[in-house]
Amino acid sequence: MAYEIRGYEPTIGIEIHVQLNTNSKIFSSDGTEFAAGDNENISTVSAGLPGSLPVLNKKVVELAIKTGLALQCNIRTKSVFARKNYFYPDLPKGYQISQYEEPICENGYIMLKMPEYEKKINIVRAHLEEDAGKSTHHGDVTLLNYNRAGVPLLEIVSGPDLSSPQEAAEYGKIIRQIVRYLDVCDGNLEEGSLRCDCNVSVKRVGEKKLGTKVELKNINSFRFIEKAIEFEIDRQIDLVERNEKIIQETRLYDSDKNRTYSMRVKEDAQDYRYFPDPDLLPIRIPQNKIEDIRKTLPELPQQRQVRFTGQLGLPEYDAMVLTDEKEIANFFEETAKACGNPKAASNWIMTEVMREMKQSQMGIGQSKLTPVLLAELISLIDKQVISGKIAKTIFGDVWATGKNPQKLIDEKGLGQISDDSVIEKIIDDVLGANEKNVAEYKSGKTKVFGFFVGQIMKLSKGQASPDKVNEILKRKLDQ
């Protein structure tokens, strides 16, 4: 679907840097812990000292192949590392080891599902490289932390196929979902485990030639991806309207001021003087190794959504929400299987469970609630042992304590009232106290029935069986 703004069409491509889940760096045995002290995880290799030689981490290659297969990429049986030459204070060697002409993964795609349409987004390549260190600026002083130098990255490069800020943000979310489902990356945006560079250009509607591309560097929030691209599109249109030249450059996004500002003039590929790294042999991967890794691929989010709607009968919205995080999807499946009521399991997870997660700021795996406990609570409602209202009153205790729902019901005396004589007595009391409403009902104003049900449930503290209340109340009113 075409996206236009002020008579212009944006063209957007995204490079997503995925930090691979390994205990050691891509070319050395240095650790990769985010919480390590400054310059704790370094060695002669990370510091780029003369004479230090890189040794490739085998696990990095396996995780790259796994990701490439999930992105429908072709996996090269031979790929090559190159030196990408440029100087920054946090890149001690003066070059970055990356892949250029022969990346490990190429020519893949994902399907982007927007509210009103689907769109194929091409993955041009996904290549391995090492991360640089981190610079912290304090006035005239710059502090360098080389813990990140050499951390393994897989850079996933889309085609220029995205047309709007919303598509760009959704694309980033899908890539994050996939790498988290694969367990190749924790996707922690705050810690920089997943970072996005967005390439943005604009052209007048109907023109074929693309405008000058500007790179927005290191955005670590999907909301900020949208906002940064929106700002950049407007900025570029303003320049064109004033007949000013758009410079090919790298810009940073300031989320506080909601604007981008220039970081450096953007180099072309030839400026990096790529050449094969003489210290690293080509990676050669037997085809049977690729097929062995293919067999380990889990069911991915979009596949799971299709199964949840097709096999379990969930609405598309429920399936989308539940599959957003692998942990939640697993929790739902176990709950639905245990209680035999997928829709009820979905409703409880999407409302009560997610509310508690948000309030307590913990993941589902950190709570004391288990799928078995939630399934038992749902089953107690289905068997009419308790009402949904009572279930909600004890849910907080189940979440906080991990206690058995039936035990909590017994302790609090909250079991459902199913005795006909007890319910009749409550109904008689309500009807006797509301004779005017009874007369309205008998005159044909049947909507007042709901009022009676509410009063009865209130008087019974929510413990009266709803089915029996409706049955006995209707019989009495129709007499």
Protein backbone atom coordinates (compact mmCIF):
# COMPACT_ATOMS: atom_id res chain seq x y z
CA MET A 1 0.00 0.00 0.00
CA ALA A 2 1.40 3.36 -1.07
CA TYR A 3 2.17 5.86 1.67
CA GLU A 4 2.20 9.54 0.79
CA ILE A 5 2.93 12.61 2.84
CA ARG A 6 2.78 16.16 1.51
CA GLY A 7 2.96 14.85 -2.06
CA TYR A 8 6.06 12.70 -1.43
CA GLU A 9 6.74 8.98 -1.08
CA PRO A 10 9.29 7.80 1.51
CA THR A 11 11.58 4.86 0.85
CA ILE A 12 12.89 3.09 3.95
CA GLY A 13 15.35 0.27 4.55
CA ILE A 14 16.48 -1.02 7.92
CA GLU A 15 19.69 -2.59 9.18
CA ILE A 16 19.12 -4.44 12.45
CA HIS A 17 22.16 -5.39 14.54
CA VAL A 18 21.38 -8.53 16.52
CA GLN A 19 23.75 -9.44 19.36
CA LEU A 20 24.09 -13.21 19.29
CA ASN A 21 23.63 -15.21 22.49
CA THR A 22 27.13 -16.51 23.17
CA ASN A 23 29.23 -16.65 26.31
CA SER A 24 32.31 -15.39 24.51
CA LYS A 25 33.09 -12.90 21.76
CA ILE A 26 33.21 -13.62 18.07
CA PHE A 27 37.02 -13.80 17.77
CA SER A 28 38.23 -14.30 21.35
CA SER A 29 37.36 -16.02 24.62
CA ASP A 30 36.48 -12.72 26.35
CA GLY A 31 33.11 -12.74 28.12
CA THR A 32 30.02 -10.93 26.83
CA GLU A 33 28.17 -10.12 30.09
CA PHE A 34 26.43 -6.76 29.89
CA ALA A 35 26.77 -6.13 33.63
CA ALA A 36 30.57 -6.62 33.71
CA GLY A 37 32.68 -3.79 35.08
CA ASP A 38 34.23 -1.29 32.68
CA ASN A 39 36.97 -2.91 30.55
CA GLU A 40 36.61 -6.17 32.45
CA ASN A 41 35.90 -8.36 29.41
CA ILE A 42 38.90 -7.49 27.28
CA SER A 43 42.11 -9.08 26.07
CA THR A 44 44.83 -8.35 23.54
CA VAL A 45 42.34 -9.27 20.77
CA SER A 46 39.55 -6.95 22.02
CA ALA A 47 42.05 -4.13 22.55
CA GLY A 48 43.46 -4.61 19.05
CA LEU A 49 47.07 -4.96 20.20
CA PRO A 50 49.65 -5.71 17.49
CA GLY A 51 50.27 -9.41 16.95
CA SER A 52 46.95 -10.56 18.47
CA LEU A 53 45.07 -12.92 16.15
CA PRO A 54 41.32 -13.58 15.86
CA VAL A 55 39.92 -17.11 16.24
CA LEU A 56 36.34 -17.63 15.03
CA ASN A 57 33.68 -18.69 17.56
CA LYS A 58 31.88 -21.74 16.09
CA LYS A 59 28.65 -21.02 17.99
CA VAL A 60 28.35 -17.64 16.26
CA VAL A 61 28.24 -19.33 12.86
CA GLU A 62 25.56 -21.80 13.99
CA LEU A 63 23.33 -19.02 15.36
CA ALA A 64 23.75 -17.02 12.15
CA ILE A 65 22.69 -20.01 10.05
CA LYS A 66 19.68 -20.64 12.31
CA THR A 67 18.56 -17.02 11.96
CA GLY A 68 19.11 -16.99 8.22
CA LEU A 69 16.98 -20.10 7.77
CA ALA A 70 14.17 -18.57 9.81
CA LEU A 71 14.33 -15.51 7.53
CA GLN A 72 14.02 -17.75 4.42
CA CYS A 73 17.59 -16.85 3.39
CA ASN A 74 19.98 -18.83 1.23
CA ILE A 75 22.93 -19.98 3.34
CA ARG A 76 26.31 -19.78 1.66
CA THR A 77 28.41 -22.91 1.98
CA LYS A 78 31.38 -20.56 1.71
CA SER A 79 31.48 -17.07 3.21
CA VAL A 80 34.36 -14.69 3.83
CA PHE A 81 35.33 -12.16 6.49
CA ALA A 82 36.61 -8.78 5.36
CA ARG A 83 38.26 -5.78 6.97
CA LYS A 84 36.10 -2.66 6.94
CA ASN A 85 38.56 0.16 7.42
CA TYR A 86 37.59 3.26 9.38
CA PHE A 87 38.79 4.90 12.55
CA TYR A 88 36.84 5.63 15.72
CA PRO A 89 38.22 5.81 19.27
CA ASP A 90 36.13 2.79 20.29
CA LEU A 91 37.41 0.67 17.38
CA PRO A 92 40.99 0.09 18.55
CA LYS A 93 42.28 -1.84 15.52
CA GLY A 94 41.28 0.94 13.12
CA TYR A 95 39.13 -1.57 11.19
CA GLN A 96 36.11 -3.76 11.87
CA ILE A 97 36.01 -7.43 10.92
CA SER A 98 32.78 -7.87 8.97
CA GLN A 99 31.48 -9.59 5.84
CA TYR A 100 31.07 -7.82 2.53
CA GLU A 101 30.96 -9.57 -0.83
CA GLU A 102 30.25 -13.05 0.49
CA PRO A 103 27.88 -12.82 3.51
CA ILE A 104 26.75 -15.98 5.26
CA CYS A 105 23.01 -15.36 4.58
CA GLU A 106 21.30 -13.61 1.65
CA ASN A 107 18.11 -13.29 -0.38
CA GLY A 108 15.49 -13.94 2.28
CA TYR A 109 12.20 -12.30 3.22
CA ILE A 110 9.54 -11.87 5.88
CA MET A 111 5.83 -11.18 5.51
CA LEU A 112 4.80 -7.91 7.12
CA LYS A 113 1.23 -8.04 8.41
CA MET A 114 -0.34 -4.62 8.79
CA PRO A 115 -3.95 -4.02 9.93
CA GLU A 116 -5.31 -3.70 6.39
CA TYR A 117 -2.76 -5.49 4.21
CA GLU A 118 0.21 -7.85 4.00
CA LYS A 119 3.50 -7.04 2.35
CA LYS A 120 6.65 -8.98 1.49
CA ILE A 121 9.84 -7.37 2.79
CA ASN A 122 13.04 -8.66 1.24
CA ILE A 123 16.08 -9.48 3.37
CA VAL A 124 19.04 -8.59 1.15
CA ARG A 125 21.64 -10.15 3.45
CA ALA A 126 22.48 -11.04 7.02
CA HIS A 127 26.20 -10.92 7.74
CA LEU A 128 28.44 -11.52 10.74
CA GLU A 129 30.61 -8.83 12.26
CA GLU A 130 32.16 -7.69 15.52
CA ASP A 131 30.77 -4.85 17.60
CA ALA A 132 32.84 -1.79 18.51
CA GLY A 133 33.43 -0.52 22.05
CA LYS A 134 31.52 2.28 23.74
CA SER A 135 32.50 5.94 24.04
CA THR A 136 31.14 8.12 26.84
CA HIS A 137 31.71 11.84 26.46
CA HIS A 138 32.17 14.13 29.47
CA GLY A 139 33.00 17.63 28.26
CA ASP A 140 36.53 17.52 26.84
CA VAL A 141 37.07 13.98 28.13
CA THR A 142 36.01 10.75 26.40
CA LEU A 143 35.96 7.47 28.34
CA LEU A 144 36.38 4.24 26.39
CA ASN A 145 34.92 0.90 27.45
CA TYR A 146 36.02 -2.00 25.26
CA ASN A 147 33.72 -4.64 26.80
CA ARG A 148 31.52 -4.56 23.69
CA ALA A 149 34.49 -4.63 21.29
CA GLY A 150 34.32 -8.03 19.60
CA VAL A 151 30.80 -8.93 20.78
CA PRO A 152 29.22 -11.00 17.96
CA LEU A 153 26.62 -9.27 15.79
CA LEU A 154 24.45 -10.47 12.94
CA GLU A 155 23.46 -7.49 10.80
CA ILE A 156 20.13 -8.11 9.05
CA VAL A 157 19.70 -5.78 6.06
CA SER A 158 16.28 -5.25 4.50
CA GLY A 159 15.62 -4.11 0.98
CA PRO A 160 14.31 -0.56 0.43
CA ASP A 161 10.81 -2.03 0.67
CA LEU A 162 9.31 -0.18 3.63
CA SER A 163 7.07 2.76 2.85
CA SER A 164 6.00 4.27 6.17
CA PRO A 165 7.21 4.80 9.74
CA GLN A 166 4.55 2.34 10.91
CA GLU A 167 5.78 -0.38 8.55
CA ALA A 168 9.35 0.22 9.74
CA ALA A 169 8.40 -0.16 13.41
CA GLU A 170 6.37 -3.31 12.71
CA TYR A 171 9.26 -4.80 10.71
CA GLY A 172 11.58 -4.23 13.68
CA LYS A 173 9.10 -5.91 16.03
CA ILE A 174 8.85 -8.98 13.77
CA ILE A 175 12.63 -9.39 13.55
CA ARG A 176 12.87 -9.08 17.35
CA GLN A 177 10.13 -11.69 17.78
CA ILE A 178 11.90 -14.11 15.45
CA VAL A 179 15.35 -13.86 17.07
CA ARG A 180 13.79 -14.23 20.55
CA TYR A 181 11.79 -17.31 19.47
CA LEU A 182 15.02 -18.78 18.09
CA ASP A 183 16.89 -17.98 21.35
CA VAL A 184 19.69 -16.45 19.29
CA CYS A 185 19.28 -13.01 20.94
CA ASP A 186 17.53 -11.73 24.06
CA GLY A 187 16.27 -8.71 22.09
CA ASN A 188 16.97 -6.35 25.00
CA LEU A 189 16.62 -2.92 23.45
CA GLU A 190 17.69 -1.03 26.58
CA GLU A 191 21.00 -2.92 26.79
CA GLY A 192 21.64 -2.59 23.07
CA SER A 193 21.28 -6.29 22.26
CA LEU A 194 19.18 -5.23 19.30
CA ARG A 195 19.75 -1.90 17.56
CA CYS A 196 18.30 -0.42 14.39
CA ASP A 197 19.77 1.82 11.70
CA CYS A 198 17.12 3.28 9.40
CA ASN A 199 17.89 4.49 5.86
CA VAL A 200 15.36 7.09 4.72
CA SER A 201 14.86 8.98 1.46
CA VAL A 202 11.95 10.81 -0.14
CA LYS A 203 10.85 11.42 -3.73
CA ARG A 204 7.92 13.19 -5.29
CA VAL A 205 4.89 11.00 -5.99
CA GLY A 206 5.29 9.48 -9.46
CA GLU A 207 9.06 9.92 -9.72
CA LYS A 208 11.11 6.78 -10.31
CA LYS A 209 14.50 7.96 -9.13
CA LEU A 210 15.04 7.58 -5.40
CA GLY A 211 16.11 10.54 -3.32
CA THR A 212 19.38 10.85 -1.40
CA LYS A 213 19.55 8.32 1.43
CA VAL A 214 20.14 9.44 5.03
CA GLU A 215 21.01 6.95 7.77
CA LEU A 216 19.49 7.25 11.27
CA LYS A 217 21.90 5.45 13.58
CA ASN A 218 21.41 3.19 16.64
CA ILE A 219 17.72 3.57 17.46
CA ASN A 220 16.75 1.27 20.33
CA SER A 221 12.97 1.64 20.55
CA PHE A 222 10.24 0.81 18.05
CA ARG A 223 8.32 3.91 19.11
CA PHE A 224 11.43 5.97 18.45
CA ILE A 225 11.86 4.31 15.04
CA GLU A 226 8.45 5.71 14.09
CA LYS A 227 9.11 9.14 15.54
CA ALA A 228 12.65 9.45 14.11
CA ILE A 229 11.52 8.46 10.61
CA GLU A 230 8.51 10.79 10.78
CA PHE A 231 10.80 13.68 11.70
CA GLU A 232 13.37 12.78 9.05
CA ILE A 233 10.74 12.53 6.30
CA ASP A 234 9.46 16.01 7.17
CA ARG A 235 13.02 17.37 7.38
CA GLN A 236 13.92 16.03 3.95
CA ILE A 237 10.69 17.28 2.36
CA ASP A 238 11.35 20.73 3.82
CA LEU A 239 14.83 20.73 2.24
CA VAL A 240 13.49 19.71 -1.16
CA GLU A 241 10.74 22.34 -0.98
CA ARG A 242 13.41 24.98 -0.28
CA ASN A 243 15.52 23.69 -3.18
CA GLU A 244 18.28 22.73 -0.75
CA LYS A 245 20.48 19.67 -1.18
CA ILE A 246 19.97 16.58 0.99
CA ILE A 247 23.38 15.37 2.18
CA GLN A 248 24.14 11.66 2.34
CA GLU A 249 25.01 11.42 6.02
CA THR A 250 24.55 9.57 9.28
CA ARG A 251 22.27 11.27 11.80
CA LEU A 252 21.40 10.53 15.43
CA TYR A 253 17.91 10.79 16.91
CA ASP A 254 17.37 12.84 20.07
CA SER A 255 14.22 11.39 21.67
CA ASP A 256 13.93 14.23 24.20
CA LYS A 257 13.80 16.90 21.49
CA ASN A 258 12.23 14.60 18.86
CA ARG A 259 14.69 15.60 16.16
CA THR A 260 17.67 14.19 14.28
CA TYR A 261 21.06 15.84 14.07
CA SER A 262 24.13 15.22 11.95
CA MET A 263 26.75 12.78 13.24
CA ARG A 264 29.03 12.40 10.20
CA VAL A 265 29.00 12.41 6.42
CA LYS A 266 28.01 8.94 5.27
CA GLU A 267 30.68 6.95 3.49
CA ASP A 268 30.08 4.79 0.45
CA ALA A 269 31.19 1.16 0.42
CA GLN A 270 34.37 1.96 -1.50
CA ASP A 271 35.40 4.43 1.22
CA TYR A 272 35.76 1.54 3.67
CA ARG A 273 38.39 -0.17 1.47
CA TYR A 274 37.03 -3.66 2.10
CA PHE A 275 39.44 -6.55 1.55
CA PRO A 276 39.45 -10.17 2.77
CA ASP A 277 40.88 -10.46 6.27
CA PRO A 278 44.23 -12.27 5.93
CA ASP A 279 44.01 -13.64 9.48
CA LEU A 280 40.75 -15.54 8.96
CA LEU A 281 40.10 -18.43 6.60
CA PRO A 282 36.83 -18.58 4.64
CA ILE A 283 33.92 -20.23 6.51
CA ARG A 284 33.01 -23.49 4.80
CA ILE A 285 29.71 -25.11 5.84
CA PRO A 286 28.70 -28.59 4.65
CA GLN A 287 25.14 -28.73 3.30
CA ASN A 288 24.25 -31.49 5.78
CA LYS A 289 25.23 -29.15 8.63
CA ILE A 290 22.77 -26.54 7.31
CA GLU A 291 20.02 -29.17 7.13
CA ASP A 292 20.78 -30.36 10.68
CA ILE A 293 20.33 -26.78 11.93
CA ARG A 294 17.12 -26.43 9.90
CA LYS A 295 15.65 -29.35 11.87
CA THR A 296 16.15 -27.43 15.13
CA LEU A 297 14.00 -24.45 14.06
CA PRO A 298 11.04 -23.90 16.38
CA GLU A 299 7.55 -22.89 15.33
CA LEU A 300 7.84 -19.17 14.60
CA PRO A 301 5.37 -16.45 15.70
CA GLN A 302 3.40 -16.13 12.46
CA GLN A 303 3.14 -19.93 12.13
CA ARG A 304 1.90 -20.11 15.70
CA GLN A 305 -0.71 -17.42 15.05
CA VAL A 306 -2.11 -19.47 12.16
CA ARG A 307 -2.33 -22.58 14.37
CA PHE A 308 -3.93 -20.70 17.26
CA THR A 309 -6.69 -19.38 14.98
CA GLY A 310 -7.09 -22.54 12.88
CA GLN A 311 -6.79 -25.31 15.45
CA LEU A 312 -7.76 -23.57 18.69
CA GLY A 313 -10.38 -21.23 17.26
CA LEU A 314 -8.93 -18.02 18.67
CA PRO A 315 -9.69 -14.64 17.08
CA GLU A 316 -6.79 -13.20 15.10
CA TYR A 317 -6.28 -10.43 17.65
CA ASP A 318 -5.92 -12.93 20.52
CA ALA A 319 -3.46 -15.03 18.51
CA MET A 320 -1.37 -11.95 17.69
CA VAL A 321 -1.19 -10.79 21.33
CA LEU A 322 -0.45 -14.23 22.75
CA THR A 323 2.36 -14.99 20.29
CA ASP A 324 4.11 -11.65 20.79
CA GLU A 325 6.36 -13.24 23.43
CA LYS A 326 7.40 -16.89 23.28
CA GLU A 327 7.05 -17.28 27.05
CA ILE A 328 3.43 -16.08 27.00
CA ALA A 329 2.59 -18.28 24.00
CA ASN A 330 3.99 -21.33 25.80
CA PHE A 331 2.09 -20.44 28.99
CA PHE A 332 -1.15 -20.10 27.03
CA GLU A 333 -0.73 -23.43 25.27
CA GLU A 334 -0.10 -25.29 28.52
CA THR A 335 -3.07 -23.59 30.20
CA ALA A 336 -5.44 -24.25 27.28
CA LYS A 337 -4.40 -27.89 27.15
CA ALA A 338 -4.89 -28.36 30.91
CA CYS A 339 -8.33 -26.70 31.12
CA GLY A 340 -9.68 -27.60 27.67
CA ASN A 341 -11.00 -24.06 27.14
CA PRO A 342 -8.62 -22.11 24.87
CA LYS A 343 -10.76 -18.96 24.64
CA ALA A 344 -11.14 -18.69 28.43
CA ALA A 345 -7.38 -19.23 28.80
CA SER A 346 -6.77 -16.49 26.25
CA ASN A 347 -9.13 -14.07 28.02
CA TRP A 348 -7.55 -14.62 31.42
CA ILE A 349 -3.99 -14.24 30.14
CA MET A 350 -4.75 -11.13 28.09
CA THR A 351 -6.53 -9.39 30.97
CA GLU A 352 -5.76 -10.59 34.49
CA VAL A 353 -2.33 -12.15 33.87
CA MET A 354 -0.94 -9.33 31.75
CA ARG A 355 -2.28 -6.75 34.19
CA GLU A 356 -0.45 -8.43 37.07
CA MET A 357 2.71 -8.69 34.96
CA LYS A 358 2.58 -4.98 34.22
CA GLN A 359 1.88 -3.98 37.83
CA SER A 360 4.57 -6.24 39.29
CA GLN A 361 6.99 -5.57 36.40
CA MET A 362 7.91 -9.22 36.11
CA GLY A 363 7.80 -11.82 33.37
CA ILE A 364 5.35 -14.69 33.51
CA GLY A 365 8.19 -17.09 34.31
CA GLN A 366 9.14 -15.06 37.38
CA SER A 367 5.68 -15.25 38.95
CA LYS A 368 4.29 -18.03 41.18
CA LEU A 369 1.39 -18.54 38.80
CA THR A 370 1.69 -21.71 36.72
CA PRO A 371 -0.40 -22.92 33.76
CA VAL A 372 -1.79 -25.70 35.98
CA LEU A 373 -3.01 -23.19 38.60
CA LEU A 374 -4.65 -20.93 36.01
CA ALA A 375 -6.22 -23.94 34.27
CA GLU A 376 -7.70 -25.11 37.60
CA LEU A 377 -9.18 -21.68 38.23
CA ILE A 378 -10.80 -21.69 34.77
CA SER A 379 -12.10 -25.24 35.31
CA LEU A 380 -13.70 -24.22 38.62
CA ILE A 381 -15.65 -21.54 36.73
CA ASP A 382 -16.61 -23.97 33.94
CA LYS A 383 -17.86 -26.50 36.52
CA GLN A 384 -19.81 -23.71 38.25
CA VAL A 385 -17.99 -24.27 41.52
CA ILE A 386 -17.31 -20.50 41.58
CA SER A 387 -18.43 -17.54 39.52
CA GLY A 388 -16.11 -15.53 37.29
CA LYS A 389 -16.40 -12.65 39.76
CA ILE A 390 -15.16 -14.79 42.65
CA ALA A 391 -12.38 -16.19 40.47
CA LYS A 392 -11.16 -12.64 39.88
CA THR A 393 -11.20 -11.84 43.61
CA ILE A 394 -8.87 -14.76 44.41
CA PHE A 395 -6.68 -14.47 41.30
CA GLY A 396 -4.40 -11.91 42.93
CA ASP A 397 -3.73 -14.34 45.78
CA VAL A 398 -3.00 -17.18 43.35
CA TRP A 399 -0.57 -14.91 41.48
CA ALA A 400 1.19 -13.72 44.64
CA THR A 401 1.31 -16.97 46.60
CA GLY A 402 1.07 -19.82 44.09
CA LYS A 403 -1.65 -21.35 46.29
CA ASN A 404 -4.12 -23.86 44.87
CA PRO A 405 -7.36 -22.02 43.87
CA GLN A 406 -9.62 -24.60 45.52
CA LYS A 407 -7.69 -24.25 48.76
CA LEU A 408 -8.10 -20.47 48.69
CA ILE A 409 -11.84 -20.85 48.04
CA ASP A 410 -12.20 -23.20 51.01
CA GLU A 411 -10.14 -20.92 53.28
CA LYS A 412 -12.21 -17.85 52.36
CA GLY A 413 -15.57 -19.64 52.24
CA LEU A 414 -16.17 -18.49 48.67
CA GLY A 415 -17.68 -21.66 47.22
CA GLN A 416 -20.61 -21.17 44.86
CA ILE A 417 -24.14 -21.43 46.29
CA SER A 418 -26.05 -24.04 44.31
CA ASP A 419 -28.74 -24.98 46.83
CA ASP A 420 -32.12 -24.11 45.27
CA SER A 421 -33.76 -23.25 48.58
CA VAL A 422 -30.97 -20.83 49.56
CA ILE A 423 -31.08 -19.11 46.16
CA GLU A 424 -34.90 -18.92 46.27
CA LYS A 425 -34.73 -17.19 49.65
CA ILE A 426 -32.28 -14.57 48.26
CA ILE A 427 -34.48 -14.03 45.18
CA ASP A 428 -37.59 -13.62 47.32
CA ASP A 429 -35.83 -11.01 49.44
CA VAL A 430 -34.78 -9.04 46.35
CA LEU A 431 -38.24 -9.23 44.73
CA GLY A 432 -39.92 -8.24 47.99
CA ALA A 433 -37.71 -5.17 48.30
CA ASN A 434 -38.32 -4.08 44.69
CA GLU A 435 -42.06 -4.48 44.07
CA LYS A 436 -42.14 -1.50 41.69
CA ASN A 437 -39.53 -3.15 39.45
CA VAL A 438 -41.47 -6.42 39.58
CA ALA A 439 -44.55 -4.59 38.32
CA GLU A 440 -42.50 -3.05 35.49
CA TYR A 441 -41.29 -6.49 34.43
CA LYS A 442 -44.81 -7.91 34.42
CA SER A 443 -45.96 -4.94 32.31
CA GLY A 444 -43.50 -5.95 29.61
CA LYS A 445 -40.35 -4.02 30.54
CA THR A 446 -38.18 -7.17 30.58
CA LYS A 447 -34.89 -5.23 30.59
CA VAL A 448 -35.32 -4.89 34.35
CA PHE A 449 -34.41 -8.60 34.60
CA GLY A 450 -30.72 -7.65 34.59
CA PHE A 451 -31.30 -5.33 37.54
CA PHE A 452 -32.70 -8.23 39.59
CA VAL A 453 -29.74 -10.47 38.68
CA GLY A 454 -27.32 -7.77 39.79
CA GLN A 455 -29.10 -7.32 43.14
CA ILE A 456 -29.21 -11.07 43.75
CA MET A 457 -25.50 -11.49 43.02
CA LYS A 458 -24.73 -8.53 45.25
CA LEU A 459 -26.77 -9.98 48.13
CA SER A 460 -25.10 -13.39 47.69
CA LYS A 461 -21.66 -11.73 47.48
CA GLY A 462 -21.25 -13.18 44.02
CA GLN A 463 -21.58 -16.75 45.25
CA ALA A 464 -24.97 -17.70 43.83
CA SER A 465 -24.86 -19.95 40.77
CA PRO A 466 -25.62 -17.63 37.80
CA ASP A 467 -27.44 -20.37 35.88
CA LYS A 468 -29.69 -21.22 38.81
CA VAL A 469 -30.31 -17.54 39.56
CA ASN A 470 -31.50 -16.98 35.98
CA GLU A 471 -33.64 -20.12 35.96
CA ILE A 472 -35.38 -19.58 39.33
CA LEU A 473 -35.75 -15.80 38.90
CA LYS A 474 -37.41 -16.19 35.49
CA ARG A 475 -39.78 -18.82 36.84
CA LYS A 476 -40.84 -16.62 39.73
CA LEU A 477 -41.28 -13.48 37.62
CA ASP A 478 -43.31 -15.32 34.99
CA GLN A 479 -45.69 -16.88 37.52
